[in-house]
Amino acid sequence: MESEVCDFLCVHEDTVARLKQTLPPEEELMDLADLFKNFADSTRIRMLYLLSESELCVCDISRLLGMSQSAISHQLRILKQSKLVKARRDGRTVFYSLADEHVGTIIGNGMEHVKE
């Protein structure tokens, strides 16, 4: 079994120094970790996948996922606070879609990765 540590101490100082300069601030990395936490919930992933295919209202998502509208609304609120989805009102109906193309790219790349 391969070891996860080096067999001897050999720090590559040039690489360490270069990467130290490019490492984002801790706050940005925490924000990135929080973003990815939203993708760790299977309900939210299913919702994001559906929204990557089409703009939908709560009733549509509820029917597609077999969940209550209140459960869907709760998850949408989390996704909206995380700036992953946006809402558009049309009369009495609120339609949801992905916030921007980056979210769709994350979903698409993730699906490609798991299918490999």
N, C-alpha and C. Protein backbone atom coordinates (compact mmCIF):
# COMPACT_ATOMS: atom_id res chain seq x y z
N MET A 1 0.84 -1.18 0.00
CA MET A 1 0.00 0.00 0.00
C MET A 1 0.89 1.25 0.00
N GLU A 2 0.55 2.20 -0.85
CA GLU A 2 1.35 3.42 -0.96
C GLU A 2 1.11 4.31 0.25
N SER A 3 2.17 4.94 0.69
CA SER A 3 2.11 5.86 1.80
C SER A 3 1.63 7.22 1.30
N GLU A 4 0.92 7.94 2.16
CA GLU A 4 0.43 9.27 1.80
C GLU A 4 1.40 10.36 2.23
N VAL A 5 2.60 9.96 2.66
CA VAL A 5 3.61 10.93 3.08
C VAL A 5 4.89 10.67 2.28
N CYS A 6 5.76 11.69 2.24
CA CYS A 6 7.05 11.54 1.57
C CYS A 6 7.93 10.59 2.38
N ASP A 7 8.80 9.89 1.69
CA ASP A 7 9.74 9.00 2.36
C ASP A 7 10.85 9.78 3.07
N PHE A 8 11.09 11.01 2.62
CA PHE A 8 12.10 11.86 3.26
C PHE A 8 11.66 13.31 3.10
N LEU A 9 12.20 14.16 3.96
CA LEU A 9 11.83 15.57 3.95
C LEU A 9 12.55 16.30 2.82
N CYS A 10 11.77 16.81 1.88
CA CYS A 10 12.33 17.52 0.74
C CYS A 10 11.31 18.56 0.31
N VAL A 11 11.34 19.71 0.95
CA VAL A 11 10.41 20.79 0.61
C VAL A 11 10.90 21.48 -0.66
N HIS A 12 10.03 21.63 -1.62
CA HIS A 12 10.35 22.31 -2.87
C HIS A 12 10.04 23.80 -2.67
N GLU A 13 11.02 24.50 -2.14
CA GLU A 13 10.84 25.88 -1.70
C GLU A 13 10.32 26.80 -2.79
N ASP A 14 10.78 26.63 -4.03
CA ASP A 14 10.32 27.50 -5.12
C ASP A 14 8.83 27.31 -5.38
N THR A 15 8.40 26.06 -5.37
CA THR A 15 6.98 25.78 -5.58
C THR A 15 6.15 26.29 -4.41
N VAL A 16 6.60 26.06 -3.20
CA VAL A 16 5.89 26.52 -2.01
C VAL A 16 5.77 28.04 -2.02
N ALA A 17 6.86 28.74 -2.31
CA ALA A 17 6.84 30.20 -2.34
C ALA A 17 5.89 30.73 -3.40
N ARG A 18 5.91 30.11 -4.59
CA ARG A 18 5.04 30.55 -5.69
C ARG A 18 3.56 30.35 -5.32
N LEU A 19 3.25 29.18 -4.78
CA LEU A 19 1.85 28.89 -4.45
C LEU A 19 1.35 29.69 -3.25
N LYS A 20 2.25 30.00 -2.34
CA LYS A 20 1.88 30.82 -1.18
C LYS A 20 1.37 32.18 -1.65
N GLN A 21 1.94 32.68 -2.74
CA GLN A 21 1.54 33.97 -3.30
C GLN A 21 0.17 33.91 -3.97
N THR A 22 -0.21 32.74 -4.47
CA THR A 22 -1.47 32.63 -5.20
C THR A 22 -2.64 32.15 -4.33
N LEU A 23 -2.34 31.67 -3.12
CA LEU A 23 -3.39 31.16 -2.25
C LEU A 23 -4.33 32.28 -1.84
N PRO A 24 -5.62 32.15 -2.14
CA PRO A 24 -6.58 33.21 -1.78
C PRO A 24 -6.68 33.37 -0.25
N PRO A 25 -7.18 34.51 0.18
CA PRO A 25 -7.37 34.72 1.62
C PRO A 25 -8.29 33.65 2.22
N GLU A 26 -8.10 33.37 3.50
CA GLU A 26 -8.87 32.34 4.19
C GLU A 26 -10.38 32.59 4.08
N GLU A 27 -10.80 33.84 4.14
CA GLU A 27 -12.23 34.17 4.06
C GLU A 27 -12.81 33.73 2.71
N GLU A 28 -12.07 33.96 1.63
CA GLU A 28 -12.54 33.54 0.31
C GLU A 28 -12.63 32.02 0.21
N LEU A 29 -11.65 31.33 0.79
CA LEU A 29 -11.67 29.87 0.77
C LEU A 29 -12.84 29.32 1.60
N MET A 30 -13.16 29.99 2.71
CA MET A 30 -14.32 29.58 3.51
C MET A 30 -15.61 29.79 2.72
N ASP A 31 -15.70 30.90 1.99
CA ASP A 31 -16.87 31.15 1.14
C ASP A 31 -16.99 30.07 0.06
N LEU A 32 -15.86 29.66 -0.50
CA LEU A 32 -15.87 28.60 -1.50
C LEU A 32 -16.33 27.28 -0.89
N ALA A 33 -15.85 26.98 0.30
CA ALA A 33 -16.27 25.76 1.00
C ALA A 33 -17.78 25.80 1.26
N ASP A 34 -18.29 26.96 1.68
CA ASP A 34 -19.73 27.10 1.92
C ASP A 34 -20.52 26.89 0.63
N LEU A 35 -20.00 27.42 -0.48
CA LEU A 35 -20.66 27.22 -1.77
C LEU A 35 -20.79 25.74 -2.07
N PHE A 36 -19.69 25.00 -1.91
CA PHE A 36 -19.71 23.58 -2.24
C PHE A 36 -20.56 22.77 -1.26
N LYS A 37 -20.77 23.26 -0.05
CA LYS A 37 -21.66 22.57 0.90
C LYS A 37 -23.07 22.48 0.33
N ASN A 38 -23.47 23.48 -0.44
CA ASN A 38 -24.80 23.47 -1.05
C ASN A 38 -24.95 22.34 -2.06
N PHE A 39 -23.86 21.92 -2.64
CA PHE A 39 -23.88 20.84 -3.62
C PHE A 39 -23.82 19.46 -2.95
N ALA A 40 -23.65 19.45 -1.64
CA ALA A 40 -23.54 18.18 -0.90
C ALA A 40 -24.89 17.61 -0.50
N ASP A 41 -25.96 18.32 -0.79
CA ASP A 41 -27.30 17.86 -0.44
C ASP A 41 -27.99 17.35 -1.71
N SER A 42 -28.44 16.09 -1.67
CA SER A 42 -28.99 15.47 -2.89
C SER A 42 -30.27 16.16 -3.36
N THR A 43 -31.08 16.68 -2.46
CA THR A 43 -32.29 17.39 -2.88
C THR A 43 -31.92 18.66 -3.63
N ARG A 44 -30.98 19.41 -3.09
CA ARG A 44 -30.57 20.64 -3.75
C ARG A 44 -29.90 20.34 -5.09
N ILE A 45 -29.12 19.28 -5.16
CA ILE A 45 -28.50 18.89 -6.43
C ILE A 45 -29.57 18.55 -7.46
N ARG A 46 -30.58 17.80 -7.05
CA ARG A 46 -31.66 17.46 -7.99
C ARG A 46 -32.36 18.72 -8.48
N MET A 47 -32.59 19.65 -7.57
CA MET A 47 -33.25 20.90 -7.94
C MET A 47 -32.37 21.70 -8.90
N LEU A 48 -31.08 21.80 -8.60
CA LEU A 48 -30.19 22.54 -9.49
C LEU A 48 -30.10 21.88 -10.86
N TYR A 49 -30.10 20.56 -10.88
CA TYR A 49 -30.07 19.86 -12.16
C TYR A 49 -31.32 20.20 -12.97
N LEU A 50 -32.49 20.12 -12.34
CA LEU A 50 -33.73 20.45 -13.04
C LEU A 50 -33.72 21.89 -13.54
N LEU A 51 -33.23 22.80 -12.69
CA LEU A 51 -33.19 24.21 -13.08
C LEU A 51 -32.14 24.46 -14.16
N SER A 52 -31.18 23.57 -14.29
CA SER A 52 -30.22 23.72 -15.39
C SER A 52 -30.86 23.35 -16.72
N GLU A 53 -31.96 22.63 -16.65
CA GLU A 53 -32.68 22.21 -17.85
C GLU A 53 -33.81 23.17 -18.22
N SER A 54 -34.43 23.80 -17.19
CA SER A 54 -35.58 24.65 -17.46
C SER A 54 -35.91 25.53 -16.26
N GLU A 55 -36.46 26.69 -16.53
CA GLU A 55 -37.01 27.54 -15.49
C GLU A 55 -38.26 26.84 -14.95
N LEU A 56 -38.44 26.82 -13.62
CA LEU A 56 -39.55 26.10 -13.01
C LEU A 56 -40.12 26.87 -11.84
N CYS A 57 -41.40 26.63 -11.55
CA CYS A 57 -42.01 27.19 -10.35
C CYS A 57 -41.96 26.12 -9.25
N VAL A 58 -42.30 26.52 -8.03
CA VAL A 58 -42.28 25.60 -6.89
C VAL A 58 -43.18 24.40 -7.14
N CYS A 59 -44.35 24.63 -7.73
CA CYS A 59 -45.29 23.53 -8.02
C CYS A 59 -44.66 22.50 -8.96
N ASP A 60 -43.96 22.98 -9.99
CA ASP A 60 -43.29 22.08 -10.94
C ASP A 60 -42.24 21.23 -10.24
N ILE A 61 -41.40 21.89 -9.45
CA ILE A 61 -40.32 21.18 -8.76
C ILE A 61 -40.91 20.19 -7.76
N SER A 62 -41.94 20.61 -7.06
CA SER A 62 -42.60 19.74 -6.10
C SER A 62 -43.11 18.47 -6.75
N ARG A 63 -43.75 18.61 -7.89
CA ARG A 63 -44.27 17.45 -8.64
C ARG A 63 -43.14 16.57 -9.14
N LEU A 64 -42.11 17.18 -9.70
CA LEU A 64 -40.99 16.42 -10.25
C LEU A 64 -40.24 15.61 -9.19
N LEU A 65 -40.09 16.19 -7.99
CA LEU A 65 -39.31 15.53 -6.95
C LEU A 65 -40.17 14.77 -5.94
N GLY A 66 -41.50 14.90 -6.07
CA GLY A 66 -42.38 14.20 -5.14
C GLY A 66 -42.24 14.69 -3.71
N MET A 67 -42.07 16.00 -3.57
CA MET A 67 -41.88 16.60 -2.25
C MET A 67 -42.91 17.70 -2.05
N SER A 68 -43.12 18.08 -0.80
CA SER A 68 -44.08 19.15 -0.51
C SER A 68 -43.55 20.49 -1.00
N GLN A 69 -44.47 21.39 -1.29
CA GLN A 69 -44.08 22.73 -1.74
C GLN A 69 -43.30 23.45 -0.65
N SER A 70 -43.66 23.23 0.61
CA SER A 70 -42.93 23.91 1.69
C SER A 70 -41.49 23.41 1.77
N ALA A 71 -41.27 22.11 1.55
CA ALA A 71 -39.90 21.57 1.55
C ALA A 71 -39.10 22.15 0.40
N ILE A 72 -39.74 22.26 -0.76
CA ILE A 72 -39.07 22.84 -1.93
C ILE A 72 -38.75 24.30 -1.68
N SER A 73 -39.70 25.05 -1.13
CA SER A 73 -39.48 26.47 -0.84
C SER A 73 -38.32 26.66 0.13
N HIS A 74 -38.23 25.80 1.12
CA HIS A 74 -37.13 25.88 2.09
C HIS A 74 -35.79 25.71 1.38
N GLN A 75 -35.68 24.71 0.52
CA GLN A 75 -34.44 24.47 -0.20
C GLN A 75 -34.13 25.60 -1.19
N LEU A 76 -35.15 26.12 -1.85
CA LEU A 76 -34.96 27.24 -2.77
C LEU A 76 -34.45 28.47 -2.03
N ARG A 77 -34.94 28.68 -0.82
CA ARG A 77 -34.49 29.82 -0.02
C ARG A 77 -32.98 29.70 0.26
N ILE A 78 -32.53 28.49 0.59
CA ILE A 78 -31.10 28.26 0.83
C ILE A 78 -30.30 28.51 -0.45
N LEU A 79 -30.79 27.99 -1.56
CA LEU A 79 -30.09 28.16 -2.84
C LEU A 79 -30.06 29.63 -3.27
N LYS A 80 -31.14 30.34 -2.98
CA LYS A 80 -31.20 31.77 -3.33
C LYS A 80 -30.25 32.57 -2.46
N GLN A 81 -30.19 32.27 -1.16
CA GLN A 81 -29.26 32.96 -0.26
C GLN A 81 -27.81 32.71 -0.66
N SER A 82 -27.56 31.56 -1.24
CA SER A 82 -26.21 31.20 -1.69
C SER A 82 -25.91 31.71 -3.09
N LYS A 83 -26.86 32.44 -3.66
CA LYS A 83 -26.73 33.03 -5.00
C LYS A 83 -26.55 31.98 -6.09
N LEU A 84 -27.20 30.82 -5.89
CA LEU A 84 -27.16 29.77 -6.90
C LEU A 84 -28.40 29.78 -7.78
N VAL A 85 -29.50 30.32 -7.28
CA VAL A 85 -30.72 30.45 -8.08
C VAL A 85 -31.25 31.88 -7.95
N LYS A 86 -32.09 32.23 -8.91
CA LYS A 86 -32.75 33.54 -8.87
C LYS A 86 -34.23 33.31 -9.15
N ALA A 87 -35.04 34.30 -8.79
CA ALA A 87 -36.49 34.20 -8.95
C ALA A 87 -37.00 35.30 -9.86
N ARG A 88 -38.09 34.97 -10.57
CA ARG A 88 -38.75 35.92 -11.46
C ARG A 88 -40.24 35.75 -11.28
N ARG A 89 -40.94 36.84 -10.98
CA ARG A 89 -42.39 36.77 -10.79
C ARG A 89 -43.10 37.04 -12.10
N ASP A 90 -44.11 36.21 -12.38
CA ASP A 90 -44.97 36.39 -13.55
C ASP A 90 -46.40 36.27 -13.04
N GLY A 91 -47.01 37.41 -12.75
CA GLY A 91 -48.35 37.39 -12.15
C GLY A 91 -48.27 36.82 -10.75
N ARG A 92 -49.01 35.74 -10.51
CA ARG A 92 -49.03 35.13 -9.18
C ARG A 92 -48.01 34.00 -9.05
N THR A 93 -47.28 33.73 -10.11
CA THR A 93 -46.34 32.62 -10.10
C THR A 93 -44.90 33.14 -10.05
N VAL A 94 -44.08 32.48 -9.23
CA VAL A 94 -42.66 32.80 -9.15
C VAL A 94 -41.90 31.66 -9.82
N PHE A 95 -41.11 32.02 -10.80
CA PHE A 95 -40.30 31.04 -11.52
C PHE A 95 -38.85 31.14 -11.06
N TYR A 96 -38.23 29.99 -10.94
CA TYR A 96 -36.84 29.92 -10.50
C TYR A 96 -35.96 29.43 -11.64
N SER A 97 -34.74 29.93 -11.66
CA SER A 97 -33.75 29.49 -12.64
C SER A 97 -32.37 29.60 -11.98
N LEU A 98 -31.38 29.06 -12.64
CA LEU A 98 -30.02 29.18 -12.12
C LEU A 98 -29.61 30.64 -12.13
N ALA A 99 -28.83 31.04 -11.16
CA ALA A 99 -28.45 32.44 -11.01
C ALA A 99 -27.59 32.93 -12.17
N ASP A 100 -26.73 32.05 -12.68
CA ASP A 100 -25.88 32.44 -13.81
C ASP A 100 -25.31 31.20 -14.46
N GLU A 101 -24.57 31.40 -15.53
CA GLU A 101 -24.03 30.28 -16.30
C GLU A 101 -23.00 29.47 -15.52
N HIS A 102 -22.35 30.09 -14.52
CA HIS A 102 -21.36 29.36 -13.73
C HIS A 102 -21.99 28.19 -12.99
N VAL A 103 -23.19 28.38 -12.49
CA VAL A 103 -23.86 27.30 -11.75
C VAL A 103 -24.15 26.14 -12.70
N GLY A 104 -24.62 26.45 -13.88
CA GLY A 104 -24.87 25.42 -14.88
C GLY A 104 -23.59 24.68 -15.27
N THR A 105 -22.49 25.41 -15.35
CA THR A 105 -21.20 24.80 -15.68
C THR A 105 -20.77 23.84 -14.57
N ILE A 106 -20.96 24.23 -13.32
CA ILE A 106 -20.61 23.36 -12.20
C ILE A 106 -21.42 22.07 -12.26
N ILE A 107 -22.73 22.20 -12.49
CA ILE A 107 -23.59 21.02 -12.57
C ILE A 107 -23.18 20.15 -13.76
N GLY A 108 -22.98 20.77 -14.91
CA GLY A 108 -22.60 20.03 -16.12
C GLY A 108 -21.26 19.32 -15.96
N ASN A 109 -20.28 20.02 -15.42
CA ASN A 109 -18.96 19.40 -15.21
C ASN A 109 -19.04 18.27 -14.20
N GLY A 110 -19.84 18.47 -13.15
CA GLY A 110 -20.01 17.42 -12.15
C GLY A 110 -20.63 16.18 -12.75
N MET A 111 -21.64 16.37 -13.60
CA MET A 111 -22.29 15.22 -14.23
C MET A 111 -21.32 14.49 -15.16
N GLU A 112 -20.52 15.24 -15.91
CA GLU A 112 -19.51 14.63 -16.77
C GLU A 112 -18.54 13.80 -15.94
N HIS A 113 -18.13 14.35 -14.82
CA HIS A 113 -17.16 13.67 -13.97
C HIS A 113 -17.71 12.34 -13.43
N VAL A 114 -18.95 12.36 -12.93
CA VAL A 114 -19.49 11.13 -12.34
C VAL A 114 -19.81 10.08 -13.40
N LYS A 115 -20.00 10.50 -14.64
CA LYS A 115 -20.31 9.53 -15.73
C LYS A 115 -19.05 8.89 -16.30
N GLU A 116 -17.86 9.42 -15.97
CA GLU A 116 -16.61 8.85 -16.51
C GLU A 116 -16.30 7.51 -15.90
